[in-house]
Amino acid sequence: MRLWTSEPNLDPAHLAAVSAPKLIMSGDRGSIPPAHSLLIAASIPGAQLAIVPGAGHGLIAERPELISTLIRDFLAHA
């Protein structure tokens, strides 16, 4: 229960140090609000954000074709 109520406890300032290519993905129906994913992506220089429609926390299992396309496109341009 602690994980759902207090984690992840990320400091956006620390995310600025991430230097690898990054794709932040989140479902629009998940327990993590899209605004949180937006904050993460905005805090990491060069990050891309994909809010996956019709998906929750299990977006990989829920929308595998779309996730696969998004990842392939990201890797092709990273």
PDB file of N, CA and C in Angstrom:
ATOM      1  N   MET A   1       0.817  -1.187   0.000  1.00  0.00           N
ATOM      2  CA  MET A   1       0.000   0.000   0.000  1.00  0.00           C
ATOM      3  C   MET A   1       0.871   1.265   0.000  1.00  0.00           C
ATOM      4  N   ARG A   2       2.011   1.219   0.665  1.00  0.00           N
ATOM      5  CA  ARG A   2       2.901   2.382   0.715  1.00  0.00           C
ATOM      6  C   ARG A   2       3.328   2.807  -0.684  1.00  0.00           C
ATOM      7  N   LEU A   3       3.600   1.824  -1.538  1.00  0.00           N
ATOM      8  CA  LEU A   3       4.027   2.130  -2.904  1.00  0.00           C
ATOM      9  C   LEU A   3       2.979   2.981  -3.610  1.00  0.00           C
ATOM     10  N   TRP A   4       1.721   2.635  -3.456  1.00  0.00           N
ATOM     11  CA  TRP A   4       0.656   3.362  -4.149  1.00  0.00           C
ATOM     12  C   TRP A   4       0.432   4.747  -3.582  1.00  0.00           C
ATOM     13  N   THR A   5       0.740   4.958  -2.300  1.00  0.00           N
ATOM     14  CA  THR A   5       0.431   6.244  -1.679  1.00  0.00           C
ATOM     15  C   THR A   5       1.612   7.202  -1.594  1.00  0.00           C
ATOM     16  N   SER A   6       2.847   6.693  -1.650  1.00  0.00           N
ATOM     17  CA  SER A   6       3.974   7.600  -1.449  1.00  0.00           C
ATOM     18  C   SER A   6       5.134   7.408  -2.407  1.00  0.00           C
ATOM     19  N   GLU A   7       5.065   6.482  -3.297  1.00  0.00           N
ATOM     20  CA  GLU A   7       6.152   6.222  -4.235  1.00  0.00           C
ATOM     21  C   GLU A   7       5.642   6.389  -5.658  1.00  0.00           C
ATOM     22  N   PRO A   8       6.410   6.620  -6.632  1.00  0.00           N
ATOM     23  CA  PRO A   8       7.828   6.925  -6.478  1.00  0.00           C
ATOM     24  C   PRO A   8       8.006   8.346  -5.987  1.00  0.00           C
ATOM     25  N   ASN A   9       8.970   8.526  -5.155  1.00  0.00           N
ATOM     26  CA  ASN A   9       9.270   9.840  -4.606  1.00  0.00           C
ATOM     27  C   ASN A   9      10.453  10.408  -5.382  1.00  0.00           C
ATOM     28  N   LEU A  10      10.178  10.888  -6.577  1.00  0.00           N
ATOM     29  CA  LEU A  10      11.221  11.383  -7.466  1.00  0.00           C
ATOM     30  C   LEU A  10      11.381  12.888  -7.335  1.00  0.00           C
ATOM     31  N   ASP A  11      12.623  13.321  -7.258  1.00  0.00           N
ATOM     32  CA  ASP A  11      12.924  14.745  -7.267  1.00  0.00           C
ATOM     33  C   ASP A  11      13.188  15.135  -8.722  1.00  0.00           C
ATOM     34  N   PRO A  12      12.326  15.949  -9.327  1.00  0.00           N
ATOM     35  CA  PRO A  12      12.530  16.316 -10.733  1.00  0.00           C
ATOM     36  C   PRO A  12      13.919  16.867 -11.022  1.00  0.00           C
ATOM     37  N   ALA A  13      14.541  17.536 -10.071  1.00  0.00           N
ATOM     38  CA  ALA A  13      15.879  18.080 -10.293  1.00  0.00           C
ATOM     39  C   ALA A  13      16.906  16.970 -10.524  1.00  0.00           C
ATOM     40  N   HIS A  14      16.727  15.831  -9.882  1.00  0.00           N
ATOM     41  CA  HIS A  14      17.651  14.713 -10.077  1.00  0.00           C
ATOM     42  C   HIS A  14      17.497  14.078 -11.457  1.00  0.00           C
ATOM     43  N   LEU A  15      16.310  14.171 -12.018  1.00  0.00           N
ATOM     44  CA  LEU A  15      16.070  13.567 -13.330  1.00  0.00           C
ATOM     45  C   LEU A  15      16.831  14.289 -14.436  1.00  0.00           C
ATOM     46  N   ALA A  16      17.195  15.519 -14.216  1.00  0.00           N
ATOM     47  CA  ALA A  16      17.922  16.291 -15.223  1.00  0.00           C
ATOM     48  C   ALA A  16      19.274  15.671 -15.546  1.00  0.00           C
ATOM     49  N   ALA A  17      19.793  14.832 -14.665  1.00  0.00           N
ATOM     50  CA  ALA A  17      21.099  14.200 -14.877  1.00  0.00           C
ATOM     51  C   ALA A  17      21.016  12.975 -15.798  1.00  0.00           C
ATOM     52  N   VAL A  18      19.826  12.514 -16.111  1.00  0.00           N
ATOM     53  CA  VAL A  18      19.681  11.355 -16.987  1.00  0.00           C
ATOM     54  C   VAL A  18      20.157  11.739 -18.378  1.00  0.00           C
ATOM     55  N   SER A  19      21.094  10.955 -18.927  1.00  0.00           N
ATOM     56  CA  SER A  19      21.653  11.331 -20.224  1.00  0.00           C
ATOM     57  C   SER A  19      21.347  10.342 -21.342  1.00  0.00           C
ATOM     58  N   ALA A  20      20.821   9.193 -21.019  1.00  0.00           N
ATOM     59  CA  ALA A  20      20.488   8.201 -22.046  1.00  0.00           C
ATOM     60  C   ALA A  20      19.191   8.597 -22.753  1.00  0.00           C
ATOM     61  N   PRO A  21      18.986   8.122 -23.984  1.00  0.00           N
ATOM     62  CA  PRO A  21      17.695   8.364 -24.640  1.00  0.00           C
ATOM     63  C   PRO A  21      16.568   7.797 -23.773  1.00  0.00           C
ATOM     64  N   LYS A  22      15.452   8.501 -23.706  1.00  0.00           N
ATOM     65  CA  LYS A  22      14.383   8.058 -22.830  1.00  0.00           C
ATOM     66  C   LYS A  22      13.012   8.285 -23.433  1.00  0.00           C
ATOM     67  N   LEU A  23      12.172   7.302 -23.204  1.00  0.00           N
ATOM     68  CA  LEU A  23      10.777   7.347 -23.618  1.00  0.00           C
ATOM     69  C   LEU A  23       9.953   7.065 -22.366  1.00  0.00           C
ATOM     70  N   ILE A  24       9.170   8.021 -21.946  1.00  0.00           N
ATOM     71  CA  ILE A  24       8.306   7.877 -20.780  1.00  0.00           C
ATOM     72  C   ILE A  24       6.931   7.486 -21.307  1.00  0.00           C
ATOM     73  N   MET A  25       6.408   6.359 -20.826  1.00  0.00           N
ATOM     74  CA  MET A  25       5.086   5.915 -21.273  1.00  0.00           C
ATOM     75  C   MET A  25       4.183   5.708 -20.065  1.00  0.00           C
ATOM     76  N   SER A  26       2.935   6.065 -20.265  1.00  0.00           N
ATOM     77  CA  SER A  26       1.942   5.942 -19.219  1.00  0.00           C
ATOM     78  C   SER A  26       0.587   5.744 -19.874  1.00  0.00           C
ATOM     79  N   GLY A  27      -0.264   4.973 -19.229  1.00  0.00           N
ATOM     80  CA  GLY A  27      -1.628   4.809 -19.724  1.00  0.00           C
ATOM     81  C   GLY A  27      -2.507   5.950 -19.261  1.00  0.00           C
ATOM     82  N   ASP A  28      -3.481   6.312 -20.062  1.00  0.00           N
ATOM     83  CA  ASP A  28      -4.373   7.412 -19.677  1.00  0.00           C
ATOM     84  C   ASP A  28      -5.405   6.987 -18.636  1.00  0.00           C
ATOM     85  N   ARG A  29      -5.480   5.689 -18.342  1.00  0.00           N
ATOM     86  CA  ARG A  29      -6.434   5.185 -17.352  1.00  0.00           C
ATOM     87  C   ARG A  29      -5.730   4.518 -16.167  1.00  0.00           C
ATOM     88  N   GLY A  30      -4.459   4.795 -16.019  1.00  0.00           N
ATOM     89  CA  GLY A  30      -3.687   4.166 -14.955  1.00  0.00           C
ATOM     90  C   GLY A  30      -3.838   4.875 -13.627  1.00  0.00           C
ATOM     91  N   SER A  31      -3.211   4.300 -12.611  1.00  0.00           N
ATOM     92  CA  SER A  31      -3.262   4.882 -11.274  1.00  0.00           C
ATOM     93  C   SER A  31      -2.314   6.075 -11.150  1.00  0.00           C
ATOM     94  N   ILE A  32      -1.365   6.188 -12.075  1.00  0.00           N
ATOM     95  CA  ILE A  32      -0.446   7.320 -12.079  1.00  0.00           C
ATOM     96  C   ILE A  32      -1.032   8.380 -13.005  1.00  0.00           C
ATOM     97  N   PRO A  33      -1.306   9.565 -12.498  1.00  0.00           N
ATOM     98  CA  PRO A  33      -1.924  10.591 -13.347  1.00  0.00           C
ATOM     99  C   PRO A  33      -1.003  11.005 -14.492  1.00  0.00           C
ATOM    100  N   PRO A  34      -1.563  11.262 -15.675  1.00  0.00           N
ATOM    101  CA  PRO A  34      -0.742  11.724 -16.794  1.00  0.00           C
ATOM    102  C   PRO A  34       0.114  12.944 -16.447  1.00  0.00           C
ATOM    103  N   ALA A  35      -0.369  13.793 -15.555  1.00  0.00           N
ATOM    104  CA  ALA A  35       0.409  14.973 -15.168  1.00  0.00           C
ATOM    105  C   ALA A  35       1.726  14.578 -14.511  1.00  0.00           C
ATOM    106  N   HIS A  36       1.740  13.470 -13.787  1.00  0.00           N
ATOM    107  CA  HIS A  36       2.978  12.997 -13.163  1.00  0.00           C
ATOM    108  C   HIS A  36       3.965  12.538 -14.236  1.00  0.00           C
ATOM    109  N   SER A  37       3.471  11.820 -15.224  1.00  0.00           N
ATOM    110  CA  SER A  37       4.339  11.382 -16.325  1.00  0.00           C
ATOM    111  C   SER A  37       4.855  12.586 -17.110  1.00  0.00           C
ATOM    112  N   LEU A  38       4.022  13.587 -17.287  1.00  0.00           N
ATOM    113  CA  LEU A  38       4.440  14.813 -17.963  1.00  0.00           C
ATOM    114  C   LEU A  38       5.552  15.512 -17.182  1.00  0.00           C
ATOM    115  N   LEU A  39       5.424  15.568 -15.863  1.00  0.00           N
ATOM    116  CA  LEU A  39       6.458  16.176 -15.035  1.00  0.00           C
ATOM    117  C   LEU A  39       7.779  15.423 -15.174  1.00  0.00           C
ATOM    118  N   ILE A  40       7.718  14.100 -15.174  1.00  0.00           N
ATOM    119  CA  ILE A  40       8.932  13.297 -15.338  1.00  0.00           C
ATOM    120  C   ILE A  40       9.573  13.600 -16.691  1.00  0.00           C
ATOM    121  N   ALA A  41       8.785  13.547 -17.755  1.00  0.00           N
ATOM    122  CA  ALA A  41       9.327  13.787 -19.095  1.00  0.00           C
ATOM    123  C   ALA A  41       9.878  15.203 -19.229  1.00  0.00           C
ATOM    124  N   ALA A  42       9.193  16.173 -18.662  1.00  0.00           N
ATOM    125  CA  ALA A  42       9.643  17.558 -18.752  1.00  0.00           C
ATOM    126  C   ALA A  42      10.921  17.794 -17.942  1.00  0.00           C
ATOM    127  N   SER A  43      11.176  16.958 -16.958  1.00  0.00           N
ATOM    128  CA  SER A  43      12.355  17.112 -16.100  1.00  0.00           C
ATOM    129  C   SER A  43      13.603  16.467 -16.677  1.00  0.00           C
ATOM    130  N   ILE A  44      13.432  15.636 -17.695  1.00  0.00           N
ATOM    131  CA  ILE A  44      14.567  14.933 -18.298  1.00  0.00           C
ATOM    132  C   ILE A  44      14.830  15.544 -19.669  1.00  0.00           C
ATOM    133  N   PRO A  45      15.996  16.132 -19.856  1.00  0.00           N
ATOM    134  CA  PRO A  45      16.298  16.754 -21.151  1.00  0.00           C
ATOM    135  C   PRO A  45      16.159  15.769 -22.313  1.00  0.00           C
ATOM    136  N   GLY A  46      15.397  16.176 -23.325  1.00  0.00           N
ATOM    137  CA  GLY A  46      15.244  15.359 -24.524  1.00  0.00           C
ATOM    138  C   GLY A  46      14.301  14.178 -24.396  1.00  0.00           C
ATOM    139  N   ALA A  47      13.640  14.030 -23.274  1.00  0.00           N
ATOM    140  CA  ALA A  47      12.739  12.888 -23.096  1.00  0.00           C
ATOM    141  C   ALA A  47      11.525  13.015 -24.003  1.00  0.00           C
ATOM    142  N   GLN A  48      11.021  11.875 -24.427  1.00  0.00           N
ATOM    143  CA  GLN A  48       9.773  11.823 -25.170  1.00  0.00           C
ATOM    144  C   GLN A  48       8.706  11.250 -24.251  1.00  0.00           C
ATOM    145  N   LEU A  49       7.485  11.671 -24.429  1.00  0.00           N
ATOM    146  CA  LEU A  49       6.366  11.210 -23.612  1.00  0.00           C
ATOM    147  C   LEU A  49       5.295  10.626 -24.507  1.00  0.00           C
ATOM    148  N   ALA A  50       4.792   9.464 -24.114  1.00  0.00           N
ATOM    149  CA  ALA A  50       3.666   8.844 -24.813  1.00  0.00           C
ATOM    150  C   ALA A  50       2.612   8.485 -23.771  1.00  0.00           C
ATOM    151  N   ILE A  51       1.465   9.131 -23.853  1.00  0.00           N
ATOM    152  CA  ILE A  51       0.319   8.768 -23.018  1.00  0.00           C
ATOM    153  C   ILE A  51      -0.523   7.829 -23.874  1.00  0.00           C
ATOM    154  N   VAL A  52      -0.612   6.589 -23.457  1.00  0.00           N
ATOM    155  CA  VAL A  52      -1.253   5.548 -24.256  1.00  0.00           C
ATOM    156  C   VAL A  52      -2.755   5.523 -23.967  1.00  0.00           C
ATOM    157  N   PRO A  53      -3.557   5.777 -25.001  1.00  0.00           N
ATOM    158  CA  PRO A  53      -5.004   5.810 -24.784  1.00  0.00           C
ATOM    159  C   PRO A  53      -5.571   4.418 -24.506  1.00  0.00           C
ATOM    160  N   GLY A  54      -6.550   4.390 -23.628  1.00  0.00           N
ATOM    161  CA  GLY A  54      -7.241   3.144 -23.336  1.00  0.00           C
ATOM    162  C   GLY A  54      -6.425   2.138 -22.554  1.00  0.00           C
ATOM    163  N   ALA A  55      -5.412   2.605 -21.846  1.00  0.00           N
ATOM    164  CA  ALA A  55      -4.549   1.689 -21.103  1.00  0.00           C
ATOM    165  C   ALA A  55      -4.372   2.168 -19.674  1.00  0.00           C
ATOM    166  N   GLY A  56      -4.172   1.201 -18.800  1.00  0.00           N
ATOM    167  CA  GLY A  56      -3.886   1.497 -17.404  1.00  0.00           C
ATOM    168  C   GLY A  56      -2.425   1.219 -17.104  1.00  0.00           C
ATOM    169  N   HIS A  57      -2.171   0.762 -15.885  1.00  0.00           N
ATOM    170  CA  HIS A  57      -0.800   0.500 -15.458  1.00  0.00           C
ATOM    171  C   HIS A  57      -0.175  -0.659 -16.238  1.00  0.00           C
ATOM    172  N   GLY A  58      -0.997  -1.565 -16.741  1.00  0.00           N
ATOM    173  CA  GLY A  58      -0.496  -2.707 -17.521  1.00  0.00           C
ATOM    174  C   GLY A  58      -0.518  -2.429 -19.013  1.00  0.00           C
ATOM    175  N   LEU A  59      -0.120  -1.240 -19.402  1.00  0.00           N
ATOM    176  CA  LEU A  59      -0.266  -0.820 -20.793  1.00  0.00           C
ATOM    177  C   LEU A  59       0.443  -1.733 -21.785  1.00  0.00           C
ATOM    178  N   ILE A  60       1.536  -2.364 -21.399  1.00  0.00           N
ATOM    179  CA  ILE A  60       2.241  -3.247 -22.332  1.00  0.00           C
ATOM    180  C   ILE A  60       1.360  -4.438 -22.696  1.00  0.00           C
ATOM    181  N   ALA A  61       0.677  -5.005 -21.726  1.00  0.00           N
ATOM    182  CA  ALA A  61      -0.218  -6.137 -21.988  1.00  0.00           C
ATOM    183  C   ALA A  61      -1.533  -5.682 -22.605  1.00  0.00           C
ATOM    184  N   GLU A  62      -1.966  -4.478 -22.261  1.00  0.00           N
ATOM    185  CA  GLU A  62      -3.258  -3.984 -22.726  1.00  0.00           C
ATOM    186  C   GLU A  62      -3.228  -3.479 -24.164  1.00  0.00           C
ATOM    187  N   ARG A  63      -2.111  -2.889 -24.588  1.00  0.00           N
ATOM    188  CA  ARG A  63      -1.998  -2.311 -25.929  1.00  0.00           C
ATOM    189  C   ARG A  63      -0.672  -2.721 -26.571  1.00  0.00           C
ATOM    190  N   PRO A  64      -0.396  -4.028 -26.695  1.00  0.00           N
ATOM    191  CA  PRO A  64       0.932  -4.471 -27.144  1.00  0.00           C
ATOM    192  C   PRO A  64       1.325  -3.972 -28.532  1.00  0.00           C
ATOM    193  N   GLU A  65       0.394  -3.902 -29.463  1.00  0.00           N
ATOM    194  CA  GLU A  65       0.744  -3.468 -30.816  1.00  0.00           C
ATOM    195  C   GLU A  65       1.168  -1.997 -30.821  1.00  0.00           C
ATOM    196  N   LEU A  66       0.407  -1.164 -30.128  1.00  0.00           N
ATOM    197  CA  LEU A  66       0.727   0.256 -30.073  1.00  0.00           C
ATOM    198  C   LEU A  66       2.045   0.483 -29.336  1.00  0.00           C
ATOM    199  N   ILE A  67       2.231  -0.207 -28.220  1.00  0.00           N
ATOM    200  CA  ILE A  67       3.473  -0.065 -27.456  1.00  0.00           C
ATOM    201  C   ILE A  67       4.663  -0.470 -28.317  1.00  0.00           C
ATOM    202  N   SER A  68       4.531  -1.561 -29.035  1.00  0.00           N
ATOM    203  CA  SER A  68       5.601  -2.029 -29.907  1.00  0.00           C
ATOM    204  C   SER A  68       5.937  -0.989 -30.975  1.00  0.00           C
ATOM    205  N   THR A  69       4.924  -0.399 -31.558  1.00  0.00           N
ATOM    206  CA  THR A  69       5.139   0.641 -32.572  1.00  0.00           C
ATOM    207  C   THR A  69       5.831   1.855 -31.970  1.00  0.00           C
ATOM    208  N   LEU A  70       5.381   2.280 -30.809  1.00  0.00           N
ATOM    209  CA  LEU A  70       5.995   3.444 -30.152  1.00  0.00           C
ATOM    210  C   LEU A  70       7.467   3.190 -29.825  1.00  0.00           C
ATOM    211  N   ILE A  71       7.768   2.007 -29.324  1.00  0.00           N
ATOM    212  CA  ILE A  71       9.154   1.684 -28.971  1.00  0.00           C
ATOM    213  C   ILE A  71      10.020   1.589 -30.214  1.00  0.00           C
ATOM    214  N   ARG A  72       9.524   0.921 -31.244  1.00  0.00           N
ATOM    215  CA  ARG A  72      10.306   0.826 -32.483  1.00  0.00           C
ATOM    216  C   ARG A  72      10.598   2.200 -33.064  1.00  0.00           C
ATOM    217  N   ASP A  73       9.597   3.071 -33.081  1.00  0.00           N
ATOM    218  CA  ASP A  73       9.786   4.420 -33.597  1.00  0.00           C
ATOM    219  C   ASP A  73      10.795   5.195 -32.738  1.00  0.00           C
ATOM    220  N   PHE A  74      10.663   5.064 -31.433  1.00  0.00           N
ATOM    221  CA  PHE A  74      11.604   5.741 -30.533  1.00  0.00           C
ATOM    222  C   PHE A  74      13.042   5.274 -30.789  1.00  0.00           C
ATOM    223  N   LEU A  75      13.236   3.973 -30.875  1.00  0.00           N
ATOM    224  CA  LEU A  75      14.584   3.427 -31.097  1.00  0.00           C
ATOM    225  C   LEU A  75      15.150   3.802 -32.462  1.00  0.00           C
ATOM    226  N   ALA A  76      14.282   3.903 -33.452  1.00  0.00           N
ATOM    227  CA  ALA A  76      14.740   4.268 -34.796  1.00  0.00           C
ATOM    228  C   ALA A  76      15.252   5.703 -34.850  1.00  0.00           C
ATOM    229  N   HIS A  77      14.769   6.538 -33.943  1.00  0.00           N
ATOM    230  CA  HIS A  77      15.141   7.949 -33.955  1.00  0.00           C
ATOM    231  C   HIS A  77      16.016   8.349 -32.764  1.00  0.00           C
ATOM    232  N   ALA A  78      16.391   7.394 -31.943  1.00  0.00           N
ATOM    233  CA  ALA A  78      17.201   7.698 -30.749  1.00  0.00           C
ATOM    234  C   ALA A  78      18.660   7.826 -31.112  1.00  0.00           C
TER     235      ALA A  78
END
